[in-house]
N, C-alpha and C. Protein backbone atom coordinates (compact mmCIF):
# COMPACT_ATOMS: atom_id res chain seq x y z
N MET A 1 3.47 -64.45 -65.74
CA MET A 1 4.61 -65.14 -65.17
C MET A 1 4.57 -66.63 -65.50
N GLY A 2 3.42 -67.14 -65.96
CA GLY A 2 3.37 -68.53 -66.38
C GLY A 2 2.95 -69.50 -65.29
N ARG A 3 2.62 -69.00 -64.12
CA ARG A 3 2.27 -69.91 -63.02
C ARG A 3 0.98 -70.65 -63.30
N THR A 4 0.02 -69.99 -63.88
CA THR A 4 -1.27 -70.61 -64.10
C THR A 4 -1.25 -71.66 -65.19
N LYS A 5 -0.21 -71.70 -66.01
CA LYS A 5 -0.13 -72.69 -67.08
C LYS A 5 0.28 -74.06 -66.57
N THR A 6 0.99 -74.11 -65.43
CA THR A 6 1.44 -75.39 -64.92
C THR A 6 0.63 -75.87 -63.72
N VAL A 7 -0.19 -75.00 -63.14
CA VAL A 7 -0.95 -75.35 -61.94
C VAL A 7 -2.42 -75.03 -62.19
N ASP A 8 -3.28 -75.99 -61.90
CA ASP A 8 -4.72 -75.81 -62.05
C ASP A 8 -5.19 -74.70 -61.11
N ASP A 9 -6.07 -73.83 -61.59
CA ASP A 9 -6.50 -72.70 -60.78
C ASP A 9 -7.40 -73.11 -59.60
N LYS A 10 -7.76 -74.37 -59.50
CA LYS A 10 -8.54 -74.85 -58.36
C LYS A 10 -7.67 -75.58 -57.34
N SER A 11 -6.39 -75.65 -57.61
CA SER A 11 -5.51 -76.42 -56.73
C SER A 11 -5.03 -75.60 -55.54
N LEU A 12 -4.56 -76.31 -54.55
CA LEU A 12 -4.00 -75.68 -53.36
C LEU A 12 -2.75 -74.88 -53.70
N LEU A 13 -1.94 -75.40 -54.60
CA LEU A 13 -0.73 -74.68 -55.00
C LEU A 13 -1.08 -73.34 -55.65
N PHE A 14 -2.11 -73.32 -56.48
CA PHE A 14 -2.51 -72.07 -57.10
C PHE A 14 -2.94 -71.06 -56.05
N LEU A 15 -3.67 -71.52 -55.05
CA LEU A 15 -4.10 -70.64 -53.98
C LEU A 15 -2.90 -70.00 -53.27
N TYR A 16 -1.91 -70.81 -52.95
CA TYR A 16 -0.71 -70.29 -52.30
C TYR A 16 0.09 -69.38 -53.23
N LEU A 17 0.21 -69.79 -54.49
CA LEU A 17 1.00 -69.01 -55.45
C LEU A 17 0.35 -67.67 -55.78
N SER A 18 -0.96 -67.61 -55.74
CA SER A 18 -1.65 -66.37 -56.07
C SER A 18 -1.44 -65.30 -55.01
N LYS A 19 -0.92 -65.68 -53.85
CA LYS A 19 -0.70 -64.72 -52.76
C LYS A 19 0.72 -64.17 -52.72
N VAL A 20 1.59 -64.66 -53.59
CA VAL A 20 2.98 -64.19 -53.59
C VAL A 20 3.39 -63.76 -55.00
N LEU A 21 4.37 -62.89 -55.05
CA LEU A 21 4.86 -62.44 -56.35
C LEU A 21 5.85 -63.41 -56.95
N ILE A 22 6.73 -63.94 -56.11
CA ILE A 22 7.77 -64.84 -56.60
C ILE A 22 7.65 -66.17 -55.85
N PRO A 23 7.37 -67.26 -56.55
CA PRO A 23 7.28 -68.55 -55.86
C PRO A 23 8.63 -68.98 -55.32
N ASN A 24 8.61 -69.60 -54.15
CA ASN A 24 9.85 -70.12 -53.57
C ASN A 24 9.55 -71.42 -52.84
N GLN A 25 10.60 -72.06 -52.39
CA GLN A 25 10.46 -73.37 -51.76
C GLN A 25 9.61 -73.30 -50.49
N SER A 26 9.68 -72.21 -49.76
CA SER A 26 8.90 -72.07 -48.53
C SER A 26 7.40 -72.09 -48.80
N ILE A 27 7.00 -71.44 -49.88
CA ILE A 27 5.57 -71.43 -50.24
C ILE A 27 5.11 -72.84 -50.58
N PHE A 28 5.93 -73.56 -51.32
CA PHE A 28 5.57 -74.92 -51.69
C PHE A 28 5.54 -75.84 -50.47
N SER A 29 6.45 -75.64 -49.56
CA SER A 29 6.47 -76.45 -48.33
C SER A 29 5.21 -76.20 -47.51
N ALA A 30 4.81 -74.95 -47.40
CA ALA A 30 3.59 -74.61 -46.67
C ALA A 30 2.36 -75.24 -47.32
N ALA A 31 2.28 -75.16 -48.63
CA ALA A 31 1.15 -75.76 -49.35
C ALA A 31 1.13 -77.27 -49.20
N LYS A 32 2.30 -77.87 -49.33
CA LYS A 32 2.40 -79.32 -49.19
C LYS A 32 2.01 -79.76 -47.79
N ASN A 33 2.53 -79.09 -46.78
CA ASN A 33 2.21 -79.45 -45.39
C ASN A 33 0.73 -79.32 -45.11
N SER A 34 0.11 -78.28 -45.64
CA SER A 34 -1.32 -78.09 -45.45
C SER A 34 -2.12 -79.21 -46.12
N ALA A 35 -1.74 -79.57 -47.32
CA ALA A 35 -2.44 -80.63 -48.05
C ALA A 35 -2.26 -81.99 -47.38
N ILE A 36 -1.06 -82.28 -46.95
CA ILE A 36 -0.79 -83.58 -46.32
C ILE A 36 -1.52 -83.68 -44.97
N LYS A 37 -1.56 -82.57 -44.24
CA LYS A 37 -2.28 -82.57 -42.96
C LYS A 37 -3.76 -82.89 -43.18
N GLY A 38 -4.35 -82.27 -44.19
CA GLY A 38 -5.75 -82.55 -44.49
C GLY A 38 -5.97 -83.98 -44.97
N ALA A 39 -5.04 -84.48 -45.76
CA ALA A 39 -5.19 -85.83 -46.33
C ALA A 39 -4.99 -86.93 -45.29
N THR A 40 -4.25 -86.64 -44.23
CA THR A 40 -3.97 -87.67 -43.23
C THR A 40 -4.74 -87.48 -41.93
N SER A 41 -5.70 -86.57 -41.92
CA SER A 41 -6.39 -86.25 -40.67
C SER A 41 -7.17 -87.43 -40.09
N GLY A 42 -7.69 -88.31 -40.90
CA GLY A 42 -8.47 -89.44 -40.40
C GLY A 42 -7.66 -90.69 -40.10
N LEU A 43 -6.37 -90.66 -40.38
CA LEU A 43 -5.56 -91.87 -40.22
C LEU A 43 -5.43 -92.30 -38.76
N THR A 44 -5.35 -91.36 -37.85
CA THR A 44 -5.20 -91.71 -36.44
C THR A 44 -6.43 -92.48 -35.95
N GLY A 45 -7.60 -91.99 -36.30
CA GLY A 45 -8.83 -92.68 -35.89
C GLY A 45 -8.92 -94.08 -36.45
N LEU A 46 -8.58 -94.22 -37.73
CA LEU A 46 -8.60 -95.55 -38.34
C LEU A 46 -7.58 -96.48 -37.69
N SER A 47 -6.43 -95.94 -37.34
CA SER A 47 -5.40 -96.73 -36.68
C SER A 47 -5.87 -97.21 -35.31
N ILE A 48 -6.52 -96.34 -34.57
CA ILE A 48 -7.04 -96.72 -33.25
C ILE A 48 -8.11 -97.80 -33.39
N ILE A 49 -9.01 -97.63 -34.33
CA ILE A 49 -10.06 -98.64 -34.54
C ILE A 49 -9.44 -99.97 -34.95
N ALA A 50 -8.49 -99.92 -35.87
CA ALA A 50 -7.86 -101.16 -36.35
C ALA A 50 -7.10 -101.89 -35.25
N SER A 51 -6.50 -101.14 -34.34
CA SER A 51 -5.69 -101.80 -33.31
C SER A 51 -6.50 -102.23 -32.09
N THR A 52 -7.60 -101.56 -31.80
CA THR A 52 -8.35 -101.90 -30.59
C THR A 52 -9.55 -102.82 -30.81
N SER A 53 -10.12 -102.83 -31.99
CA SER A 53 -11.34 -103.63 -32.19
C SER A 53 -11.14 -105.13 -31.96
N PRO A 54 -10.01 -105.74 -32.30
CA PRO A 54 -9.87 -107.17 -31.96
C PRO A 54 -9.88 -107.41 -30.44
N PHE A 55 -9.31 -106.47 -29.69
CA PHE A 55 -9.30 -106.63 -28.24
C PHE A 55 -10.69 -106.45 -27.63
N ILE A 56 -11.45 -105.53 -28.20
CA ILE A 56 -12.83 -105.35 -27.74
C ILE A 56 -13.64 -106.60 -28.04
N GLY A 57 -13.46 -107.16 -29.24
CA GLY A 57 -14.15 -108.41 -29.58
C GLY A 57 -13.72 -109.55 -28.69
N LEU A 58 -12.44 -109.63 -28.41
CA LEU A 58 -11.93 -110.68 -27.52
C LEU A 58 -12.50 -110.53 -26.11
N PHE A 59 -12.59 -109.29 -25.64
CA PHE A 59 -13.18 -109.03 -24.33
C PHE A 59 -14.63 -109.51 -24.29
N GLY A 60 -15.38 -109.24 -25.36
CA GLY A 60 -16.77 -109.72 -25.43
C GLY A 60 -16.84 -111.24 -25.41
N THR A 61 -15.89 -111.88 -26.06
CA THR A 61 -15.85 -113.34 -26.06
C THR A 61 -15.56 -113.88 -24.66
N VAL A 62 -14.60 -113.28 -23.98
CA VAL A 62 -14.25 -113.73 -22.63
C VAL A 62 -15.44 -113.57 -21.69
N VAL A 63 -16.12 -112.43 -21.77
CA VAL A 63 -17.29 -112.20 -20.91
C VAL A 63 -18.38 -113.23 -21.20
N ALA A 64 -18.63 -113.50 -22.47
CA ALA A 64 -19.67 -114.48 -22.83
C ALA A 64 -19.30 -115.88 -22.36
N ILE A 65 -18.03 -116.25 -22.47
CA ILE A 65 -17.60 -117.57 -22.01
C ILE A 65 -17.70 -117.67 -20.49
N LEU A 66 -17.34 -116.61 -19.81
CA LEU A 66 -17.48 -116.61 -18.34
C LEU A 66 -18.94 -116.76 -17.93
N GLU A 67 -19.83 -116.08 -18.61
CA GLU A 67 -21.25 -116.21 -18.32
C GLU A 67 -21.74 -117.63 -18.60
N THR A 68 -21.23 -118.22 -19.68
CA THR A 68 -21.61 -119.60 -20.03
C THR A 68 -21.17 -120.56 -18.94
N PHE A 69 -19.92 -120.45 -18.52
CA PHE A 69 -19.43 -121.36 -17.47
C PHE A 69 -20.12 -121.10 -16.14
N SER A 70 -20.47 -119.87 -15.87
CA SER A 70 -21.19 -119.55 -14.64
C SER A 70 -22.57 -120.20 -14.64
N SER A 71 -23.27 -120.15 -15.75
CA SER A 71 -24.59 -120.76 -15.83
C SER A 71 -24.49 -122.29 -15.85
N LEU A 72 -23.40 -122.82 -16.39
CA LEU A 72 -23.23 -124.27 -16.41
C LEU A 72 -22.95 -124.81 -15.00
N GLY A 73 -22.36 -123.97 -14.17
CA GLY A 73 -22.07 -124.40 -12.81
C GLY A 73 -23.33 -124.65 -12.00
N THR A 74 -24.42 -124.03 -12.36
CA THR A 74 -25.67 -124.20 -11.63
C THR A 74 -26.51 -125.36 -12.18
N GLN A 75 -26.12 -125.89 -13.32
CA GLN A 75 -26.88 -126.98 -13.94
C GLN A 75 -26.20 -128.31 -13.65
N LYS A 76 -27.00 -129.34 -13.60
CA LYS A 76 -26.45 -130.69 -13.48
C LYS A 76 -26.28 -131.29 -14.86
N GLY A 77 -25.30 -132.13 -14.97
CA GLY A 77 -25.12 -132.89 -16.21
C GLY A 77 -24.75 -132.04 -17.41
N SER A 78 -23.79 -131.18 -17.26
CA SER A 78 -23.32 -130.37 -18.39
C SER A 78 -22.56 -131.26 -19.36
N SER A 79 -22.80 -131.03 -20.64
CA SER A 79 -22.11 -131.81 -21.66
C SER A 79 -21.63 -130.89 -22.78
N ILE A 80 -20.88 -131.46 -23.68
CA ILE A 80 -20.36 -130.69 -24.80
C ILE A 80 -21.50 -130.16 -25.67
N ALA A 81 -22.62 -130.86 -25.70
CA ALA A 81 -23.77 -130.42 -26.49
C ALA A 81 -24.35 -129.12 -25.93
N ILE A 82 -24.14 -128.87 -24.67
CA ILE A 82 -24.64 -127.64 -24.05
C ILE A 82 -23.57 -126.54 -24.14
N VAL A 83 -22.31 -126.92 -23.95
CA VAL A 83 -21.22 -125.95 -23.91
C VAL A 83 -20.86 -125.43 -25.31
N ALA A 84 -20.83 -126.29 -26.29
CA ALA A 84 -20.37 -125.91 -27.63
C ALA A 84 -21.17 -124.77 -28.26
N PRO A 85 -22.49 -124.80 -28.25
CA PRO A 85 -23.23 -123.69 -28.86
C PRO A 85 -22.98 -122.35 -28.16
N ALA A 86 -22.84 -122.40 -26.83
CA ALA A 86 -22.61 -121.15 -26.09
C ALA A 86 -21.24 -120.57 -26.42
N ILE A 87 -20.23 -121.42 -26.52
CA ILE A 87 -18.88 -120.94 -26.86
C ILE A 87 -18.86 -120.47 -28.31
N SER A 88 -19.53 -121.17 -29.18
CA SER A 88 -19.62 -120.75 -30.58
C SER A 88 -20.24 -119.37 -30.69
N GLU A 89 -21.29 -119.13 -29.94
CA GLU A 89 -21.94 -117.82 -29.93
C GLU A 89 -21.02 -116.75 -29.36
N ALA A 90 -20.24 -117.11 -28.36
CA ALA A 90 -19.31 -116.15 -27.76
C ALA A 90 -18.21 -115.74 -28.73
N LEU A 91 -17.81 -116.63 -29.60
CA LEU A 91 -16.72 -116.33 -30.55
C LEU A 91 -17.14 -115.36 -31.65
N VAL A 92 -18.43 -115.12 -31.78
CA VAL A 92 -18.91 -114.16 -32.78
C VAL A 92 -18.33 -112.76 -32.49
N ALA A 93 -18.19 -112.42 -31.21
CA ALA A 93 -17.63 -111.11 -30.85
C ALA A 93 -16.20 -110.97 -31.35
N THR A 94 -15.41 -112.02 -31.21
CA THR A 94 -14.03 -111.97 -31.69
C THR A 94 -14.00 -111.84 -33.22
N ALA A 95 -14.84 -112.60 -33.89
CA ALA A 95 -14.90 -112.52 -35.36
C ALA A 95 -15.31 -111.12 -35.81
N ALA A 96 -16.26 -110.52 -35.11
CA ALA A 96 -16.69 -109.16 -35.47
C ALA A 96 -15.56 -108.16 -35.25
N GLY A 97 -14.83 -108.31 -34.16
CA GLY A 97 -13.70 -107.42 -33.90
C GLY A 97 -12.62 -107.53 -34.96
N ILE A 98 -12.34 -108.74 -35.37
CA ILE A 98 -11.32 -108.96 -36.42
C ILE A 98 -11.81 -108.40 -37.75
N ALA A 99 -13.08 -108.56 -38.06
CA ALA A 99 -13.63 -108.02 -39.31
C ALA A 99 -13.54 -106.49 -39.33
N VAL A 100 -13.91 -105.86 -38.23
CA VAL A 100 -13.82 -104.40 -38.15
C VAL A 100 -12.37 -103.94 -38.29
N ALA A 101 -11.46 -104.63 -37.62
CA ALA A 101 -10.04 -104.27 -37.69
C ALA A 101 -9.50 -104.40 -39.11
N THR A 102 -9.91 -105.45 -39.80
CA THR A 102 -9.44 -105.67 -41.17
C THR A 102 -9.89 -104.55 -42.10
N VAL A 103 -11.14 -104.16 -41.98
CA VAL A 103 -11.67 -103.08 -42.83
C VAL A 103 -10.98 -101.76 -42.49
N ALA A 104 -10.88 -101.45 -41.20
CA ALA A 104 -10.25 -100.19 -40.78
C ALA A 104 -8.79 -100.13 -41.22
N TYR A 105 -8.07 -101.23 -41.06
CA TYR A 105 -6.66 -101.25 -41.44
C TYR A 105 -6.49 -101.12 -42.95
N SER A 106 -7.39 -101.75 -43.71
CA SER A 106 -7.33 -101.64 -45.17
C SER A 106 -7.54 -100.20 -45.62
N PHE A 107 -8.53 -99.52 -45.04
CA PHE A 107 -8.76 -98.12 -45.39
C PHE A 107 -7.61 -97.24 -44.91
N HIS A 108 -7.04 -97.57 -43.77
CA HIS A 108 -5.87 -96.84 -43.27
C HIS A 108 -4.73 -96.90 -44.28
N LEU A 109 -4.44 -98.10 -44.76
CA LEU A 109 -3.36 -98.26 -45.75
C LEU A 109 -3.68 -97.54 -47.06
N LEU A 110 -4.93 -97.61 -47.48
CA LEU A 110 -5.34 -96.95 -48.72
C LEU A 110 -5.17 -95.44 -48.61
N LEU A 111 -5.65 -94.85 -47.52
CA LEU A 111 -5.52 -93.41 -47.35
C LEU A 111 -4.07 -92.98 -47.15
N LYS A 112 -3.30 -93.81 -46.48
CA LYS A 112 -1.88 -93.50 -46.30
C LYS A 112 -1.17 -93.49 -47.66
N ARG A 113 -1.50 -94.43 -48.51
CA ARG A 113 -0.91 -94.48 -49.85
C ARG A 113 -1.32 -93.26 -50.68
N LYS A 114 -2.59 -92.86 -50.58
CA LYS A 114 -3.07 -91.69 -51.32
C LYS A 114 -2.36 -90.43 -50.82
N ALA A 115 -2.12 -90.33 -49.52
CA ALA A 115 -1.39 -89.17 -48.98
C ALA A 115 0.05 -89.16 -49.49
N TYR A 116 0.66 -90.33 -49.59
CA TYR A 116 2.02 -90.44 -50.14
C TYR A 116 2.04 -89.99 -51.60
N GLU A 117 1.05 -90.42 -52.37
CA GLU A 117 0.97 -90.02 -53.78
C GLU A 117 0.74 -88.52 -53.91
N LEU A 118 -0.09 -87.96 -53.02
CA LEU A 118 -0.31 -86.52 -53.02
C LEU A 118 0.99 -85.77 -52.73
N ASN A 119 1.75 -86.28 -51.78
CA ASN A 119 3.04 -85.68 -51.44
C ASN A 119 3.97 -85.68 -52.66
N LEU A 120 4.04 -86.80 -53.35
CA LEU A 120 4.89 -86.88 -54.55
C LEU A 120 4.41 -85.91 -55.63
N LEU A 121 3.10 -85.83 -55.83
CA LEU A 121 2.55 -84.92 -56.83
C LEU A 121 2.88 -83.47 -56.51
N LEU A 122 2.70 -83.08 -55.26
CA LEU A 122 3.00 -81.71 -54.87
C LEU A 122 4.48 -81.39 -55.00
N GLU A 123 5.32 -82.35 -54.65
CA GLU A 123 6.76 -82.13 -54.81
C GLU A 123 7.15 -81.98 -56.28
N SER A 124 6.57 -82.79 -57.14
CA SER A 124 6.90 -82.69 -58.57
C SER A 124 6.37 -81.39 -59.16
N GLN A 125 5.17 -80.95 -58.74
CA GLN A 125 4.66 -79.67 -59.21
C GLN A 125 5.56 -78.52 -58.75
N ALA A 126 5.98 -78.58 -57.50
CA ALA A 126 6.86 -77.53 -56.97
C ALA A 126 8.18 -77.50 -57.74
N ASP A 127 8.75 -78.66 -57.98
CA ASP A 127 10.01 -78.72 -58.74
C ASP A 127 9.82 -78.16 -60.15
N LEU A 128 8.71 -78.50 -60.77
CA LEU A 128 8.43 -78.01 -62.12
C LEU A 128 8.30 -76.50 -62.14
N ILE A 129 7.56 -75.95 -61.22
CA ILE A 129 7.36 -74.50 -61.19
C ILE A 129 8.66 -73.78 -60.85
N LEU A 130 9.39 -74.29 -59.89
CA LEU A 130 10.66 -73.65 -59.51
C LEU A 130 11.70 -73.74 -60.63
N SER A 131 11.66 -74.83 -61.40
CA SER A 131 12.61 -74.95 -62.50
C SER A 131 12.27 -73.98 -63.64
N GLN A 132 11.00 -73.67 -63.81
CA GLN A 132 10.59 -72.70 -64.83
C GLN A 132 10.94 -71.28 -64.41
N LYS A 133 10.98 -71.05 -63.11
CA LYS A 133 11.31 -69.73 -62.59
C LYS A 133 12.77 -69.39 -62.86
N ALA A 134 13.61 -70.42 -62.79
CA ALA A 134 15.05 -70.18 -62.94
C ALA A 134 15.45 -69.84 -64.36
C-alpha cells in the first residue's frame, strides 16, 4: 500500500498505521494527540517552577531581613556597616529564585517549541499519506 515508504517504521505514525487497513484522519489525530501529550507532559511542572521560584526566593529574603532587624533591635549602636552585609546576604535567596525561574522558563519555552514542531511534522506526514491514498 506504500505506507512504509513515507513513514519510518520506528515512528508513532507507523505504529498506528500498522493497526489499520485504510489510513484516515481519525488515526492521524489519535497518533498526533498521543505524541503531543507525551511531548508536553513536563511543561506543567516547569511552568510551576518558573512561576513560583521567584516568590520562594523573595520569601527567603523577607525572612532573612526580618531576622536581621530583629537581631539589630537587641544591639546598641547599629550602623549601615552592620546592616548592609546582612541584607546583602538575604538578597541571595531572591537571586537564586530568579536564576531558577529563568532556567525553568527557558526550558519550558524550548520544550513548547519542540512540541509545536512535532505537531507540524505529524500534520505534514498525515497530509502526505492521506494525499497518496487518494
